[in-house]
Amino acid sequence: MRVLADGMATGNPLINLSVFVLFAAVTLYIVYRVSSGNVTASNYYAADGGFTGAQNGIALSGDFLSAASFLGIAGGIAVHGYDGFLYSVGWVVAWLVGLLLIGEMLRNTGRFTIGDVMAYRMRQRPVRAAAAISTLVISFFYMLAQMAGAGGLVALLLGIHDRLGQSLLIVVVGVIMIFYVLVGGMKGTTWVQIIKAVFLLLCCTLISVFLLGKFGFDFSAILDRATQNNKLGTSILGPGAQYGKNELDFVSLALTLVLGICSLPHVLMRFYTVPDAKQARRSLVWAIWTVFIFYLCTLVIGYGASALVGTDAILHAPGGENSAAPLLAFRIGGTVLLGVVSAAAFATILAVVAGLTLASSASFAHDVYANIIKRGKADPRREVRVARMTALVVGFCAIIGGIAANGQNVAFLVSLALALAASANLSTLLYSLFWKRFNTTGTLFSIYGGLGCCLVLIIFSPVLSGAPTSLIPSADFHWFPLSNPGLVSIPFSFLCGIVGTFVGGRKADNAAKQAEMEVRALTGIGYKL
C-alpha cells in the first residue's frame, strides 16, 4: 500500500492497475469488434450517420465529460470552492448555444468537418486550410489537458511521484488512444464514449449518494466540514476565493465557457453521426440532461473531498488538485472504489483524446488532402489512410505536450482550448449560417484573426510566465493581465469577420450557393452523406 507524504494512502497499486488494465482491454476489444468496414470516408468519419439521437447524445456528453470535468472541476471545487463550480455552470449553459443556434443547421449543411460548413459558399481551398489549422491548434491545446490529467491519475494509482515515471505513463495512455482511432474510427470511438459516459455517470451518482448518506443527507453538514478542512475557511462558500483579485478574469472565463463548447471541432463533428436534424436536436437534449446530472454530482464530490480528505492532502498528492476525486473514493470506499473511479477517469481521458485525434485527422485528411491537394477527387480508401497517418502524428504531439503540461489543473487548461475554439470558430460558423453578405475574406479574417489574437494573448499572459503557477515560472515576459483571453479575443474575432467582409467586397462570393445553403440549413433538403 502506497502512502503519500502526509499519510494519505492511495491503495494497493496491483488492484488499481488491474481495474485500469481491465477497462482498457474491454474497450479495446469493443473497438476492434465494431471497426469492420472502416474503409470509406463516411464510415470512418461519421459512422455512416447510423447512431440514434439518444446514443449520440450520450456520446456527446462522453466527448465532453473529460478529465477537466471529472478531475479538474472536482479538484477546483475542493480547493477553491464556489469559484471551481463556475466551470460546471458555464458548461451546462453552453449546450444551449448548440441547441438553439448551431446543431441542427450544422448537421444539414456539412458532411464530416466544420470546414464543410465554413467553405460551403466560399472559395474552398483557403477556407478549408484555415479551418484545418484552427482544428489542429484547438485540438492540441485540449489534448494537453487530457494527457496531463492522465499522467497525474495513473501516477496516483501506482504511487509514482517522479516526473520521468509520470511521463512514461503519459506515453502508454497516448499509445492506447492512438489504437482507438486507427482501428475504430468514428464508430468505435462513439461506442467507447457511450460506455465511458454511462460508467462515469453511474460512478459519480453512486459516490454522491453514498457521500450524502454519510452526512445524513444534509449537504450543509458537508459544507460545514469542508470549511474546517480548507485553509480558505468559509470563503469557499462564496465567489472570490480564486478570482477575487481580478474580476475581469472571472468574466472572461465565464464568457469562454459558455461560448466555447459548441465551437470545439470534436463536439461539432458528432452532429454528422445521426441520420437527420431531428436526431441532432435529440442528441443535444440528451447531452444537456446527462451533463446537468453529472455536474450536480461534481458539486457534492468536490466539497466532499474538501470535507473528508482536506486540501493539504489533495495538493500534496501526485496530480495535485486533479487527485481530489480519486482520493475521496479511497477514503469512502477503499482500494476497490479508488480503482473503479480511477478507471472511470482513465476511460474519460482515453475517449476524449481519441475523439480529438479523430477530429484532427479528419480535418487534415478531408479538408487539406481530399479537397485542397486532390481538389475533391481523392480516393476514399486513400483518404482514410491519410487520416490514420495523421492520427499517428497528432497522437505523438499530444504525448509530448502532455508531458510538458503535467501537473497543471486540467480544467484550467481546457478553458484555454475553449477560448481558442470560440475565438476561431464561433464567429465564423454563425456568420456563415446567418449572414448573407459574409464572404471568403471575412471568413479568413475571423478565423486567423481570432485564433492569432488568442494565441498571442495566451503566450504573453500569466499562463506562460510571471506567476508561480505558470508553465515557465522562472521567466516573466507577460504583459496581458488576464489568465483567460476570451474577453478580448472572442469579440475581436467577430469584429475581424465584419471588417474582412467589407474589405472583401459588397456581395457574397457565390449568391447561388448562399441561397442553396440557407434552404439546406433550415430544411435539410439536399443533405447527402
Protein backbone atom coordinates (compact mmCIF):
# COMPACT_ATOMS: atom_id res chain seq x y z
CA MET A 1 0.00 0.00 0.00
CA ARG A 2 1.41 3.36 -1.08
CA VAL A 3 1.40 6.30 1.32
CA LEU A 4 1.74 9.97 0.47
CA ALA A 5 3.88 12.40 2.39
CA ASP A 6 1.06 13.38 4.69
CA GLY A 7 -0.02 9.83 5.39
CA MET A 8 -2.85 9.59 2.89
CA ALA A 9 -2.85 6.07 1.49
CA THR A 10 -3.58 5.51 -2.20
CA GLY A 11 -4.48 1.84 -2.04
CA ASN A 12 -2.92 -1.28 -3.49
CA PRO A 13 -1.19 -0.46 -6.80
CA LEU A 14 -1.74 -4.00 -8.07
CA ILE A 15 -5.54 -3.78 -7.63
CA ASN A 16 -5.59 -0.27 -9.06
CA LEU A 17 -3.59 -1.39 -12.08
CA SER A 18 -5.81 -4.46 -12.57
CA VAL A 19 -9.00 -2.37 -12.82
CA PHE A 20 -7.18 0.06 -15.07
CA VAL A 21 -5.97 -2.70 -17.44
CA LEU A 22 -9.34 -4.48 -17.40
CA PHE A 23 -11.22 -1.43 -18.62
CA ALA A 24 -8.64 -0.73 -21.31
CA ALA A 25 -8.81 -4.36 -22.50
CA VAL A 26 -12.62 -4.38 -22.66
CA THR A 27 -12.85 -1.12 -24.58
CA LEU A 28 -10.06 -2.12 -26.97
CA TYR A 29 -11.94 -5.35 -27.72
CA ILE A 30 -15.19 -3.45 -28.36
CA VAL A 31 -13.41 -1.03 -30.68
CA TYR A 32 -11.93 -3.94 -32.61
CA ARG A 33 -15.31 -5.71 -32.91
CA VAL A 34 -17.22 -2.70 -34.26
CA SER A 35 -14.47 -1.44 -36.53
CA SER A 36 -15.16 -3.68 -39.54
CA GLY A 37 -15.92 -1.71 -42.67
CA ASN A 38 -13.91 1.40 -41.84
CA VAL A 39 -12.75 1.75 -45.42
CA THR A 40 -14.98 4.57 -46.65
CA ALA A 41 -14.73 8.18 -45.57
CA SER A 42 -18.37 8.36 -44.44
CA ASN A 43 -17.92 5.31 -42.22
CA TYR A 44 -14.57 6.33 -40.75
CA TYR A 45 -15.54 9.97 -40.11
CA ALA A 46 -19.28 9.77 -39.38
CA ALA A 47 -20.18 6.07 -38.86
CA ASP A 48 -22.48 6.43 -41.91
CA GLY A 49 -24.86 8.55 -39.77
CA GLY A 50 -26.09 5.39 -38.11
CA PHE A 51 -26.48 6.44 -34.44
CA THR A 52 -29.77 7.49 -32.84
CA GLY A 53 -30.24 10.79 -31.05
CA ALA A 54 -30.10 9.11 -27.64
CA GLN A 55 -26.92 7.22 -28.48
CA ASN A 56 -25.25 10.26 -29.95
CA GLY A 57 -26.39 12.46 -27.07
CA ILE A 58 -24.75 10.18 -24.53
CA ALA A 59 -21.65 10.05 -26.74
CA LEU A 60 -21.71 13.86 -26.97
CA SER A 61 -21.70 14.11 -23.20
CA GLY A 62 -18.97 11.48 -23.17
CA ASP A 63 -16.95 13.53 -25.61
CA PHE A 64 -17.22 16.48 -23.29
CA LEU A 65 -17.13 14.89 -19.83
CA SER A 66 -13.37 14.92 -19.93
CA ALA A 67 -10.59 14.92 -17.39
CA ALA A 68 -11.39 18.59 -16.90
CA SER A 69 -14.98 17.81 -15.98
CA PHE A 70 -14.28 14.97 -13.58
CA LEU A 71 -10.81 15.55 -12.16
CA GLY A 72 -10.30 19.27 -12.72
CA ILE A 73 -13.68 20.56 -11.57
CA ALA A 74 -13.88 18.26 -8.55
CA GLY A 75 -10.39 19.41 -7.58
CA GLY A 76 -11.21 23.04 -8.26
CA ILE A 77 -14.29 22.89 -6.01
CA ALA A 78 -12.36 21.02 -3.31
CA VAL A 79 -9.59 23.63 -3.22
CA HIS A 80 -11.31 26.87 -4.32
CA GLY A 81 -14.96 26.17 -3.55
CA TYR A 82 -17.56 28.26 -5.37
CA ASP A 83 -15.14 29.56 -7.99
CA GLY A 84 -14.34 26.00 -9.03
CA PHE A 85 -18.05 25.36 -9.60
CA LEU A 86 -18.07 28.19 -12.16
CA TYR A 87 -16.80 25.71 -14.75
CA SER A 88 -19.83 23.47 -14.20
CA VAL A 89 -22.36 26.28 -14.52
CA GLY A 90 -20.72 27.67 -17.64
CA TRP A 91 -20.54 24.33 -19.38
CA VAL A 92 -24.18 23.40 -18.71
CA VAL A 93 -25.40 26.74 -20.11
CA ALA A 94 -23.04 26.34 -23.08
CA TRP A 95 -25.02 23.46 -24.55
CA LEU A 96 -27.99 25.77 -25.10
CA VAL A 97 -25.89 27.62 -27.69
CA GLY A 98 -25.55 24.40 -29.62
CA LEU A 99 -29.23 23.52 -29.25
CA LEU A 100 -30.59 26.91 -30.30
CA LEU A 101 -28.05 28.18 -32.85
CA ILE A 102 -25.71 25.58 -34.29
CA GLY A 103 -26.56 21.87 -34.01
CA GLU A 104 -29.41 21.37 -36.48
CA MET A 105 -28.12 23.77 -39.16
CA LEU A 106 -24.60 22.39 -38.95
CA ARG A 107 -25.96 18.85 -39.42
CA ASN A 108 -27.94 19.88 -42.51
CA THR A 109 -25.07 21.77 -44.16
CA GLY A 110 -21.88 19.80 -43.58
CA ARG A 111 -20.67 16.25 -44.12
CA PHE A 112 -17.64 15.40 -41.99
CA THR A 113 -15.89 18.52 -40.64
CA ILE A 114 -16.61 22.15 -39.75
CA GLY A 115 -14.60 23.06 -42.84
CA ASP A 116 -17.52 21.74 -44.91
CA VAL A 117 -19.79 24.43 -43.44
CA MET A 118 -17.26 27.26 -43.45
CA ALA A 119 -16.26 26.62 -47.07
CA TYR A 120 -19.73 25.76 -48.43
CA ARG A 121 -20.31 29.09 -50.20
CA MET A 122 -16.74 30.41 -50.07
CA ARG A 123 -13.55 29.78 -52.04
CA GLN A 124 -12.78 26.24 -50.99
CA ARG A 125 -9.01 25.99 -50.71
CA PRO A 126 -8.10 28.95 -48.45
CA VAL A 127 -11.10 28.45 -46.16
CA ARG A 128 -10.55 24.72 -45.75
CA ALA A 129 -6.89 25.34 -44.99
CA ALA A 130 -7.84 27.88 -42.31
CA ALA A 131 -10.44 25.51 -40.83
CA ALA A 132 -7.89 22.69 -40.68
CA ILE A 133 -5.28 24.88 -38.97
CA SER A 134 -7.76 26.07 -36.33
CA THR A 135 -8.92 22.47 -35.71
CA LEU A 136 -5.36 21.22 -35.20
CA VAL A 137 -4.40 24.07 -32.85
CA ILE A 138 -7.57 23.80 -30.75
CA SER A 139 -7.34 20.02 -30.52
CA PHE A 140 -3.70 20.20 -29.45
CA PHE A 141 -4.49 22.56 -26.55
CA TYR A 142 -7.42 20.38 -25.48
CA MET A 143 -5.23 17.29 -25.64
CA LEU A 144 -2.69 18.92 -23.32
CA ALA A 145 -5.29 18.92 -20.57
CA GLN A 146 -6.33 15.32 -21.09
CA MET A 147 -2.81 13.92 -21.27
CA ALA A 148 -1.73 15.93 -18.23
CA GLY A 149 -4.69 14.50 -16.34
CA ALA A 150 -3.72 11.02 -17.47
CA GLY A 151 -0.23 11.38 -16.07
CA GLY A 152 -1.42 12.57 -12.68
CA LEU A 153 -4.17 9.97 -12.43
CA VAL A 154 -2.12 6.91 -13.27
CA ALA A 155 0.71 8.24 -11.12
CA LEU A 156 -1.72 8.35 -8.20
CA LEU A 157 -2.88 4.81 -8.96
CA LEU A 158 0.65 3.42 -8.96
CA GLY A 159 2.15 5.80 -6.38
CA ILE A 160 4.70 7.23 -8.83
CA HIS A 161 5.98 10.64 -7.74
CA ASP A 162 8.91 11.33 -10.08
CA ARG A 163 8.31 13.22 -13.32
CA LEU A 164 10.06 10.63 -15.51
CA GLY A 165 7.72 7.86 -14.34
CA GLN A 166 4.66 10.02 -14.95
CA SER A 167 5.97 10.90 -18.42
CA LEU A 168 6.26 7.22 -19.29
CA LEU A 169 2.67 6.70 -18.17
CA ILE A 170 1.51 9.51 -20.46
CA VAL A 171 3.21 7.70 -23.34
CA VAL A 172 1.29 4.49 -22.55
CA VAL A 173 -2.01 6.38 -22.46
CA GLY A 174 -1.19 8.03 -25.78
CA VAL A 175 -0.44 4.72 -27.47
CA ILE A 176 -3.76 3.17 -26.38
CA MET A 177 -5.63 6.26 -27.54
CA ILE A 178 -3.97 6.10 -30.97
CA PHE A 179 -5.12 2.49 -31.30
CA TYR A 180 -8.74 3.54 -30.69
CA VAL A 181 -8.59 6.00 -33.57
CA LEU A 182 -6.57 3.91 -36.03
CA VAL A 183 -8.76 0.84 -35.68
CA GLY A 184 -12.16 2.11 -34.55
CA GLY A 185 -12.78 5.32 -36.47
CA MET A 186 -15.93 7.21 -35.54
CA LYS A 187 -17.98 4.06 -34.87
CA GLY A 188 -15.52 2.56 -32.41
CA THR A 189 -14.79 5.91 -30.77
CA THR A 190 -18.53 6.59 -30.32
CA TRP A 191 -19.14 3.27 -28.56
CA VAL A 192 -16.21 3.96 -26.26
CA GLN A 193 -17.77 7.36 -25.50
CA ILE A 194 -21.15 5.80 -24.72
CA ILE A 195 -19.68 3.15 -22.42
CA LYS A 196 -17.48 5.72 -20.72
CA ALA A 197 -20.30 8.24 -20.20
CA VAL A 198 -22.62 5.65 -18.62
CA PHE A 199 -19.83 4.26 -16.46
CA LEU A 200 -18.73 7.72 -15.31
CA LEU A 201 -22.27 8.92 -14.59
CA LEU A 202 -23.13 5.83 -12.55
CA CYS A 203 -19.87 6.09 -10.66
CA CYS A 204 -20.35 9.77 -9.78
CA THR A 205 -24.01 9.30 -8.85
CA LEU A 206 -23.27 6.40 -6.50
CA ILE A 207 -20.39 8.26 -4.84
CA SER A 208 -22.59 11.34 -4.36
CA VAL A 209 -25.45 9.34 -2.84
CA PHE A 210 -23.08 7.43 -0.56
CA LEU A 211 -21.36 10.66 0.48
CA LEU A 212 -24.64 12.41 1.25
CA GLY A 213 -25.75 9.37 3.24
CA LYS A 214 -22.56 9.54 5.28
CA PHE A 215 -23.63 13.05 6.37
CA GLY A 216 -27.28 12.16 6.93
CA PHE A 217 -28.27 13.54 3.50
CA ASP A 218 -27.50 17.00 4.83
CA PHE A 219 -25.46 18.91 2.26
CA SER A 220 -24.98 21.75 4.75
CA ALA A 221 -23.08 19.34 7.01
CA ILE A 222 -20.69 18.58 4.12
CA LEU A 223 -20.16 22.30 3.53
CA ASP A 224 -19.51 22.91 7.22
CA ARG A 225 -16.89 20.15 7.39
CA ALA A 226 -15.32 21.41 4.13
CA THR A 227 -14.76 24.88 5.59
CA GLN A 228 -12.97 23.30 8.53
CA ASN A 229 -10.58 21.31 6.33
CA ASN A 230 -9.81 24.08 3.86
CA LYS A 231 -7.32 26.82 4.67
CA LEU A 232 -9.60 29.33 2.93
CA GLY A 233 -12.32 28.66 5.50
CA THR A 234 -15.81 29.98 4.84
CA SER A 235 -14.65 31.93 1.78
CA ILE A 236 -15.02 28.74 -0.29
CA LEU A 237 -18.82 29.06 0.06
CA GLY A 238 -18.96 32.27 -1.96
CA PRO A 239 -17.35 33.77 -5.06
CA GLY A 240 -13.90 35.31 -4.99
CA ALA A 241 -11.64 32.64 -3.48
CA GLN A 242 -9.84 32.14 -6.80
CA TYR A 243 -10.88 35.09 -8.95
CA GLY A 244 -11.50 37.72 -6.28
CA LYS A 245 -8.36 39.66 -7.13
CA ASN A 246 -9.27 40.02 -10.79
CA GLU A 247 -12.96 40.23 -11.59
CA LEU A 248 -12.24 40.58 -15.33
CA ASP A 249 -10.60 37.14 -15.27
CA PHE A 250 -13.84 35.80 -13.82
CA VAL A 251 -15.93 37.41 -16.58
CA SER A 252 -13.50 36.28 -19.28
CA LEU A 253 -13.58 32.69 -18.07
CA ALA A 254 -17.40 32.67 -17.87
CA LEU A 255 -17.71 34.01 -21.43
CA THR A 256 -15.26 31.42 -22.71
CA LEU A 257 -17.02 28.52 -21.00
CA VAL A 258 -20.45 29.47 -22.36
CA LEU A 259 -19.32 30.11 -25.94
CA GLY A 260 -16.54 27.57 -26.29
CA ILE A 261 -18.27 24.17 -26.10
CA CYS A 262 -20.15 24.25 -29.37
CA SER A 263 -17.10 25.64 -31.14
CA LEU A 264 -14.98 22.56 -30.40
CA PRO A 265 -14.23 20.54 -33.57
CA HIS A 266 -14.63 17.11 -31.95
CA VAL A 267 -18.02 18.10 -30.48
CA LEU A 268 -19.30 19.62 -33.73
CA MET A 269 -18.19 16.55 -35.67
CA ARG A 270 -20.64 14.41 -33.68
CA PHE A 271 -23.65 16.04 -35.34
CA TYR A 272 -22.77 14.15 -38.52
CA THR A 273 -23.19 10.72 -36.89
CA VAL A 274 -27.02 10.91 -36.79
CA PRO A 275 -29.36 10.43 -39.78
CA ASP A 276 -31.25 13.73 -39.69
CA ALA A 277 -31.70 17.11 -37.99
CA LYS A 278 -34.39 15.80 -35.63
CA GLN A 279 -31.92 13.32 -34.18
CA ALA A 280 -29.32 16.10 -33.93
CA ARG A 281 -31.73 18.07 -31.71
CA ARG A 282 -32.45 14.95 -29.64
CA SER A 283 -28.71 14.46 -29.24
CA LEU A 284 -28.35 17.85 -27.62
CA VAL A 285 -31.33 17.33 -25.30
CA TRP A 286 -29.86 14.03 -24.10
CA ALA A 287 -26.44 15.62 -23.70
CA ILE A 288 -27.82 18.54 -21.66
CA TRP A 289 -29.61 16.29 -19.17
CA THR A 290 -26.63 13.97 -18.83
CA VAL A 291 -24.23 16.85 -18.25
CA PHE A 292 -26.63 18.52 -15.79
CA ILE A 293 -26.85 15.42 -13.59
CA PHE A 294 -23.12 14.90 -13.76
CA TYR A 295 -22.25 18.44 -12.66
CA LEU A 296 -24.62 18.26 -9.71
CA CYS A 297 -22.61 15.24 -8.63
CA THR A 298 -19.29 17.08 -9.03
CA LEU A 299 -20.54 19.73 -6.60
CA VAL A 300 -21.09 17.07 -3.94
CA ILE A 301 -17.83 15.29 -4.77
CA GLY A 302 -15.78 18.48 -4.73
CA TYR A 303 -16.97 19.73 -1.36
CA GLY A 304 -16.97 16.15 -0.07
CA ALA A 305 -13.29 15.80 -0.96
CA SER A 306 -12.54 19.01 0.91
CA ALA A 307 -14.53 17.74 3.89
CA LEU A 308 -13.13 14.21 4.15
CA VAL A 309 -9.69 14.41 2.53
CA GLY A 310 -8.67 18.02 3.16
CA THR A 311 -6.94 20.40 0.78
CA ASP A 312 -3.44 19.77 2.13
CA ALA A 313 -3.60 16.07 1.25
CA ILE A 314 -5.07 16.86 -2.17
CA LEU A 315 -2.43 19.43 -3.10
CA HIS A 316 0.44 17.18 -1.99
CA ALA A 317 -0.79 14.11 -3.91
CA PRO A 318 0.55 13.21 -7.37
CA GLY A 319 -1.56 15.25 -9.78
CA GLY A 320 -2.34 17.99 -7.24
CA GLU A 321 -5.90 19.32 -7.50
CA ASN A 322 -6.72 16.62 -10.06
CA SER A 323 -6.37 13.97 -7.32
CA ALA A 324 -9.37 15.12 -5.27
CA ALA A 325 -11.95 12.68 -6.68
CA PRO A 326 -9.71 9.57 -6.56
CA LEU A 327 -8.57 10.37 -3.00
CA LEU A 328 -12.18 10.83 -1.90
CA ALA A 329 -13.09 7.49 -3.47
CA PHE A 330 -10.33 5.79 -1.49
CA ARG A 331 -11.44 7.47 1.74
CA ILE A 332 -15.07 6.34 1.46
CA GLY A 333 -14.72 3.03 -0.42
CA GLY A 334 -11.16 1.80 -0.07
CA THR A 335 -8.91 0.35 -2.74
CA VAL A 336 -11.65 -1.16 -4.91
CA LEU A 337 -13.62 2.09 -5.24
CA LEU A 338 -10.42 4.01 -5.92
CA GLY A 339 -9.67 1.59 -8.74
CA VAL A 340 -13.18 1.94 -10.17
CA VAL A 341 -13.17 5.74 -10.00
CA SER A 342 -9.71 5.90 -11.50
CA ALA A 343 -10.77 3.54 -14.28
CA ALA A 344 -13.74 5.84 -15.00
CA ALA A 345 -11.44 8.86 -15.13
CA PHE A 346 -8.95 6.98 -17.24
CA ALA A 347 -11.71 5.96 -19.65
CA THR A 348 -12.75 9.59 -19.80
CA ILE A 349 -9.28 10.67 -20.81
CA LEU A 350 -8.81 7.92 -23.38
CA ALA A 351 -12.18 8.51 -25.04
CA VAL A 352 -11.89 12.31 -25.20
CA VAL A 353 -8.37 12.27 -26.59
CA ALA A 354 -9.47 9.67 -29.14
CA GLY A 355 -12.31 11.99 -30.22
CA LEU A 356 -9.90 14.92 -30.52
CA THR A 357 -7.42 12.89 -32.51
CA LEU A 358 -10.18 11.71 -34.85
CA ALA A 359 -11.38 15.30 -35.39
CA SER A 360 -7.83 16.48 -36.14
CA SER A 361 -7.03 13.65 -38.52
CA ALA A 362 -10.40 14.01 -40.28
CA SER A 363 -9.88 17.73 -40.76
CA PHE A 364 -6.44 17.28 -42.30
CA ALA A 365 -7.40 14.31 -44.48
CA HIS A 366 -10.77 15.66 -45.63
CA ASP A 367 -10.14 19.41 -45.81
CA VAL A 368 -6.44 19.53 -46.76
CA TYR A 369 -5.68 16.27 -48.55
CA ALA A 370 -9.00 15.48 -50.25
CA ASN A 371 -10.25 19.00 -51.04
CA ILE A 372 -7.08 21.10 -51.34
CA ILE A 373 -4.38 18.75 -52.57
CA LYS A 374 -6.64 16.39 -54.57
CA ARG A 375 -9.27 19.09 -55.34
CA GLY A 376 -12.19 16.89 -54.28
CA LYS A 377 -11.12 13.86 -56.32
CA ALA A 378 -9.38 11.79 -53.66
CA ASP A 379 -9.86 8.04 -53.49
CA PRO A 380 -11.90 7.32 -50.30
CA ARG A 381 -9.60 4.50 -49.19
CA ARG A 382 -6.54 6.66 -49.67
CA GLU A 383 -8.21 9.48 -47.75
CA VAL A 384 -8.85 7.16 -44.79
CA ARG A 385 -5.20 6.03 -44.88
CA VAL A 386 -4.10 9.67 -44.77
CA ALA A 387 -6.41 10.23 -41.80
CA ARG A 388 -4.83 7.33 -39.96
CA MET A 389 -1.31 8.56 -40.66
CA THR A 390 -2.33 11.99 -39.40
CA ALA A 391 -3.69 10.39 -36.24
CA LEU A 392 -0.23 8.96 -35.55
CA VAL A 393 1.39 12.39 -35.85
CA VAL A 394 -1.29 14.11 -33.75
CA GLY A 395 -1.03 11.41 -31.09
CA PHE A 396 2.74 11.83 -30.88
CA CYS A 397 2.37 15.63 -30.47
CA ALA A 398 -0.27 15.08 -27.77
CA ILE A 399 2.10 12.86 -25.82
CA ILE A 400 4.91 15.43 -25.95
CA GLY A 401 2.56 18.27 -24.98
CA GLY A 402 1.03 16.25 -22.15
CA ILE A 403 4.47 15.62 -20.66
CA ALA A 404 5.19 19.37 -20.76
CA ALA A 405 1.85 20.29 -19.13
CA ASN A 406 1.89 17.57 -16.47
CA GLY A 407 0.79 18.90 -13.06
CA GLN A 408 -1.42 21.77 -14.30
CA ASN A 409 -5.13 21.88 -13.37
CA VAL A 410 -6.81 20.24 -16.34
CA ALA A 411 -10.00 22.32 -16.12
CA PHE A 412 -7.91 25.47 -16.46
CA LEU A 413 -6.03 24.06 -19.48
CA VAL A 414 -9.32 23.15 -21.16
CA SER A 415 -10.57 26.71 -20.66
CA LEU A 416 -7.69 27.88 -22.86
CA ALA A 417 -8.71 25.44 -25.59
CA LEU A 418 -12.28 26.72 -25.33
CA ALA A 419 -11.05 30.30 -25.71
CA LEU A 420 -9.23 29.30 -28.90
CA ALA A 421 -12.29 27.44 -30.21
CA ALA A 422 -14.71 30.28 -29.54
CA SER A 423 -12.28 32.84 -30.98
CA ALA A 424 -11.57 30.97 -34.21
CA ASN A 425 -14.79 29.05 -34.95
CA LEU A 426 -17.86 30.60 -33.31
CA SER A 427 -17.95 33.88 -35.22
CA THR A 428 -17.14 32.12 -38.50
CA LEU A 429 -19.88 29.50 -38.09
CA LEU A 430 -22.55 31.99 -37.05
CA TYR A 431 -21.69 34.42 -39.85
CA SER A 432 -21.62 31.55 -42.39
CA LEU A 433 -25.04 30.30 -41.31
CA PHE A 434 -26.86 33.60 -40.73
CA TRP A 435 -25.16 36.48 -42.63
CA LYS A 436 -25.81 36.55 -46.39
CA ARG A 437 -23.08 39.09 -47.16
CA PHE A 438 -20.33 37.16 -45.36
CA ASN A 439 -17.57 36.23 -47.80
CA THR A 440 -14.22 34.45 -48.07
CA THR A 441 -12.18 37.43 -46.88
CA GLY A 442 -14.39 37.77 -43.82
CA THR A 443 -14.06 34.06 -43.13
CA LEU A 444 -10.25 34.17 -43.24
CA PHE A 445 -10.16 37.35 -41.14
CA SER A 446 -12.39 35.86 -38.42
CA ILE A 447 -10.55 32.50 -38.25
CA TYR A 448 -6.98 33.76 -38.39
CA GLY A 449 -7.73 36.99 -36.51
CA GLY A 450 -9.46 35.26 -33.60
CA LEU A 451 -7.00 32.36 -33.45
CA GLY A 452 -3.94 34.58 -33.73
CA CYS A 453 -5.18 37.09 -31.16
CA CYS A 454 -5.99 34.34 -28.67
CA LEU A 455 -2.61 32.62 -29.12
CA VAL A 456 -0.67 35.87 -28.68
CA LEU A 457 -2.58 36.78 -25.52
CA ILE A 458 -2.02 33.30 -24.06
CA ILE A 459 1.71 33.49 -24.77
CA PHE A 460 2.05 36.86 -23.08
CA SER A 461 -0.29 36.11 -20.16
CA PRO A 462 0.37 34.69 -16.67
CA VAL A 463 -0.41 31.26 -18.14
CA LEU A 464 3.08 31.01 -19.61
CA SER A 465 5.19 33.22 -17.35
CA GLY A 466 5.21 35.69 -14.47
CA ALA A 467 3.37 33.66 -11.83
CA PRO A 468 4.15 30.70 -9.54
CA THR A 469 1.56 28.60 -11.40
CA SER A 470 2.86 29.48 -14.89
CA LEU A 471 4.17 26.84 -17.27
CA ILE A 472 7.54 28.66 -17.11
CA PRO A 473 7.55 30.05 -13.54
CA SER A 474 11.21 31.10 -13.71
CA ALA A 475 10.57 33.59 -16.55
CA ASP A 476 8.47 36.73 -16.76
CA PHE A 477 7.61 38.16 -20.18
CA HIS A 478 3.86 38.61 -19.69
CA TRP A 479 2.10 41.93 -20.33
CA PHE A 480 -1.52 40.74 -20.73
CA PRO A 481 -3.08 40.66 -17.23
CA LEU A 482 -5.82 38.03 -17.72
CA SER A 483 -5.26 34.28 -17.45
CA ASN A 484 -8.05 33.63 -19.97
CA PRO A 485 -8.07 35.81 -23.11
CA GLY A 486 -11.69 35.12 -24.17
CA LEU A 487 -13.00 38.52 -23.10
CA VAL A 488 -10.76 40.16 -25.72
CA SER A 489 -10.19 37.51 -28.39
CA ILE A 490 -13.83 36.41 -28.90
CA PRO A 491 -15.25 39.90 -29.63
CA PHE A 492 -12.12 40.60 -31.70
CA SER A 493 -12.88 37.60 -33.95
CA PHE A 494 -16.43 38.90 -34.57
CA LEU A 495 -15.00 42.31 -35.40
CA CYS A 496 -12.43 40.76 -37.75
CA GLY A 497 -15.21 38.95 -39.60
CA ILE A 498 -17.12 42.20 -40.14
CA VAL A 499 -14.03 44.14 -41.28
CA GLY A 500 -12.90 41.34 -43.59
CA THR A 501 -16.35 41.06 -45.16
CA PHE A 502 -16.46 44.74 -46.05
CA VAL A 503 -12.86 44.68 -47.26
CA GLY A 504 -13.64 41.67 -49.46
CA GLY A 505 -16.46 43.29 -51.45
CA ARG A 506 -20.07 44.33 -51.39
CA LYS A 507 -21.57 40.94 -52.27
CA ALA A 508 -21.26 37.33 -51.15
CA ASP A 509 -18.79 35.25 -53.18
CA ASN A 510 -21.46 32.94 -54.57
CA ALA A 511 -25.04 34.14 -54.33
CA ALA A 512 -26.48 30.89 -55.70
CA LYS A 513 -24.55 28.82 -53.18
CA GLN A 514 -25.61 31.16 -50.40
CA ALA A 515 -29.30 30.65 -51.27
CA GLU A 516 -28.81 26.90 -51.51
CA MET A 517 -27.05 26.83 -48.14
CA GLU A 518 -29.85 28.82 -46.50
CA VAL A 519 -32.54 26.41 -47.70
CA ARG A 520 -30.49 23.34 -46.85
CA ALA A 521 -29.55 24.60 -43.37
CA LEU A 522 -33.17 25.33 -42.46
CA THR A 523 -34.86 22.31 -44.07
CA GLY A 524 -32.24 19.60 -44.58
CA ILE A 525 -33.26 19.26 -48.24
CA GLY A 526 -30.36 18.04 -50.33
CA TYR A 527 -28.35 16.57 -47.48
CA LYS A 528 -26.21 13.67 -48.61
CA LEU A 529 -23.66 11.81 -46.50
